[in-house]
Amino acid sequence: MIGGLGMAELVVILIIVLMVFGVGKLPELGGGLGKAISSFKKSVKEDETKEIADKGRKEA
């Protein structure tokens, strides 16, 4: 169970996605989603690094 969704719900969602986007578009969607997630993680990491650097400057 992922986030309150059971196997049946996930199968229904997958079928709907397949009907809307088609089988050919799924790799593009997956790649785009992967790039978005990695970009988000990178920006969060940069933000944390910037906060630590700013905090160090204020203390000095």
C-alpha atoms as a PDB file:
ATOM      1  CA  MET A   1       0.000   0.000   0.000  1.00  0.00           C
ATOM      2  CA  ILE A   2       1.488   3.311  -1.120  1.00  0.00           C
ATOM      3  CA  GLY A   3       0.090   6.422   0.555  1.00  0.00           C
ATOM      4  CA  GLY A   4      -3.266   4.806   1.290  1.00  0.00           C
ATOM      5  CA  LEU A   5      -3.605   3.340  -2.214  1.00  0.00           C
ATOM      6  CA  GLY A   6      -4.026  -0.381  -2.620  1.00  0.00           C
ATOM      7  CA  MET A   7      -3.055  -2.544  -5.574  1.00  0.00           C
ATOM      8  CA  ALA A   8      -6.480  -2.262  -7.208  1.00  0.00           C
ATOM      9  CA  GLU A   9      -6.394   1.540  -7.142  1.00  0.00           C
ATOM     10  CA  LEU A  10      -2.878   1.618  -8.602  1.00  0.00           C
ATOM     11  CA  VAL A  11      -3.934  -0.688 -11.449  1.00  0.00           C
ATOM     12  CA  VAL A  12      -6.936   1.523 -12.253  1.00  0.00           C
ATOM     13  CA  ILE A  13      -4.723   4.632 -12.261  1.00  0.00           C
ATOM     14  CA  LEU A  14      -2.205   2.908 -14.551  1.00  0.00           C
ATOM     15  CA  ILE A  15      -4.963   1.902 -16.993  1.00  0.00           C
ATOM     16  CA  ILE A  16      -6.318   5.457 -17.077  1.00  0.00           C
ATOM     17  CA  VAL A  17      -2.818   6.867 -17.689  1.00  0.00           C
ATOM     18  CA  LEU A  18      -2.298   4.388 -20.520  1.00  0.00           C
ATOM     19  CA  MET A  19      -5.616   5.376 -22.110  1.00  0.00           C
ATOM     20  CA  VAL A  20      -4.951   9.113 -21.839  1.00  0.00           C
ATOM     21  CA  PHE A  21      -1.292   9.259 -22.897  1.00  0.00           C
ATOM     22  CA  GLY A  22      -0.773   6.032 -24.818  1.00  0.00           C
ATOM     23  CA  VAL A  23       2.040   3.543 -24.525  1.00  0.00           C
ATOM     24  CA  GLY A  24       4.457   5.603 -26.658  1.00  0.00           C
ATOM     25  CA  LYS A  25       4.371   8.659 -24.391  1.00  0.00           C
ATOM     26  CA  LEU A  26       5.043   6.834 -21.113  1.00  0.00           C
ATOM     27  CA  PRO A  27       8.870   6.815 -21.468  1.00  0.00           C
ATOM     28  CA  GLU A  28       8.822  10.559 -22.160  1.00  0.00           C
ATOM     29  CA  LEU A  29       6.600  11.182 -19.148  1.00  0.00           C
ATOM     30  CA  GLY A  30       8.815   9.035 -16.931  1.00  0.00           C
ATOM     31  CA  GLY A  31      11.955  10.800 -18.131  1.00  0.00           C
ATOM     32  CA  GLY A  32      10.412  14.213 -17.570  1.00  0.00           C
ATOM     33  CA  LEU A  33       9.264  13.240 -14.102  1.00  0.00           C
ATOM     34  CA  GLY A  34      12.725  11.907 -13.255  1.00  0.00           C
ATOM     35  CA  LYS A  35      14.384  15.126 -14.424  1.00  0.00           C
ATOM     36  CA  ALA A  36      11.920  17.209 -12.411  1.00  0.00           C
ATOM     37  CA  ILE A  37      12.565  15.214  -9.243  1.00  0.00           C
ATOM     38  CA  SER A  38      16.357  15.392  -9.641  1.00  0.00           C
ATOM     39  CA  SER A  39      16.150  19.136 -10.315  1.00  0.00           C
ATOM     40  CA  PHE A  40      14.049  19.604  -7.182  1.00  0.00           C
ATOM     41  CA  LYS A  41      16.512  17.612  -5.069  1.00  0.00           C
ATOM     42  CA  LYS A  42      19.416  19.620  -6.481  1.00  0.00           C
ATOM     43  CA  SER A  43      17.759  22.947  -5.677  1.00  0.00           C
ATOM     44  CA  VAL A  44      16.927  21.818  -2.130  1.00  0.00           C
ATOM     45  CA  LYS A  45      20.528  20.717  -1.587  1.00  0.00           C
ATOM     46  CA  GLU A  46      21.828  24.056  -2.932  1.00  0.00           C
ATOM     47  CA  ASP A  47      19.390  25.912  -0.663  1.00  0.00           C
ATOM     48  CA  GLU A  48      20.602  23.999   2.400  1.00  0.00           C
ATOM     49  CA  THR A  49      24.229  24.670   1.475  1.00  0.00           C
ATOM     50  CA  LYS A  50      23.505  28.388   1.034  1.00  0.00           C
ATOM     51  CA  GLU A  51      21.726  28.558   4.415  1.00  0.00           C
ATOM     52  CA  ILE A  52      24.669  26.911   6.167  1.00  0.00           C
ATOM     53  CA  ALA A  53      27.110  29.308   4.492  1.00  0.00           C
ATOM     54  CA  ASP A  54      24.978  32.333   5.391  1.00  0.00           C
ATOM     55  CA  LYS A  55      24.668  31.159   8.992  1.00  0.00           C
ATOM     56  CA  GLY A  56      28.453  30.781   9.222  1.00  0.00           C
ATOM     57  CA  ARG A  57      28.985  34.325   7.958  1.00  0.00           C
ATOM     58  CA  LYS A  58      26.536  35.781  10.467  1.00  0.00           C
ATOM     59  CA  GLU A  59      28.244  34.035  13.388  1.00  0.00           C
ATOM     60  CA  ALA A  60      31.706  35.217  12.379  1.00  0.00           C
END
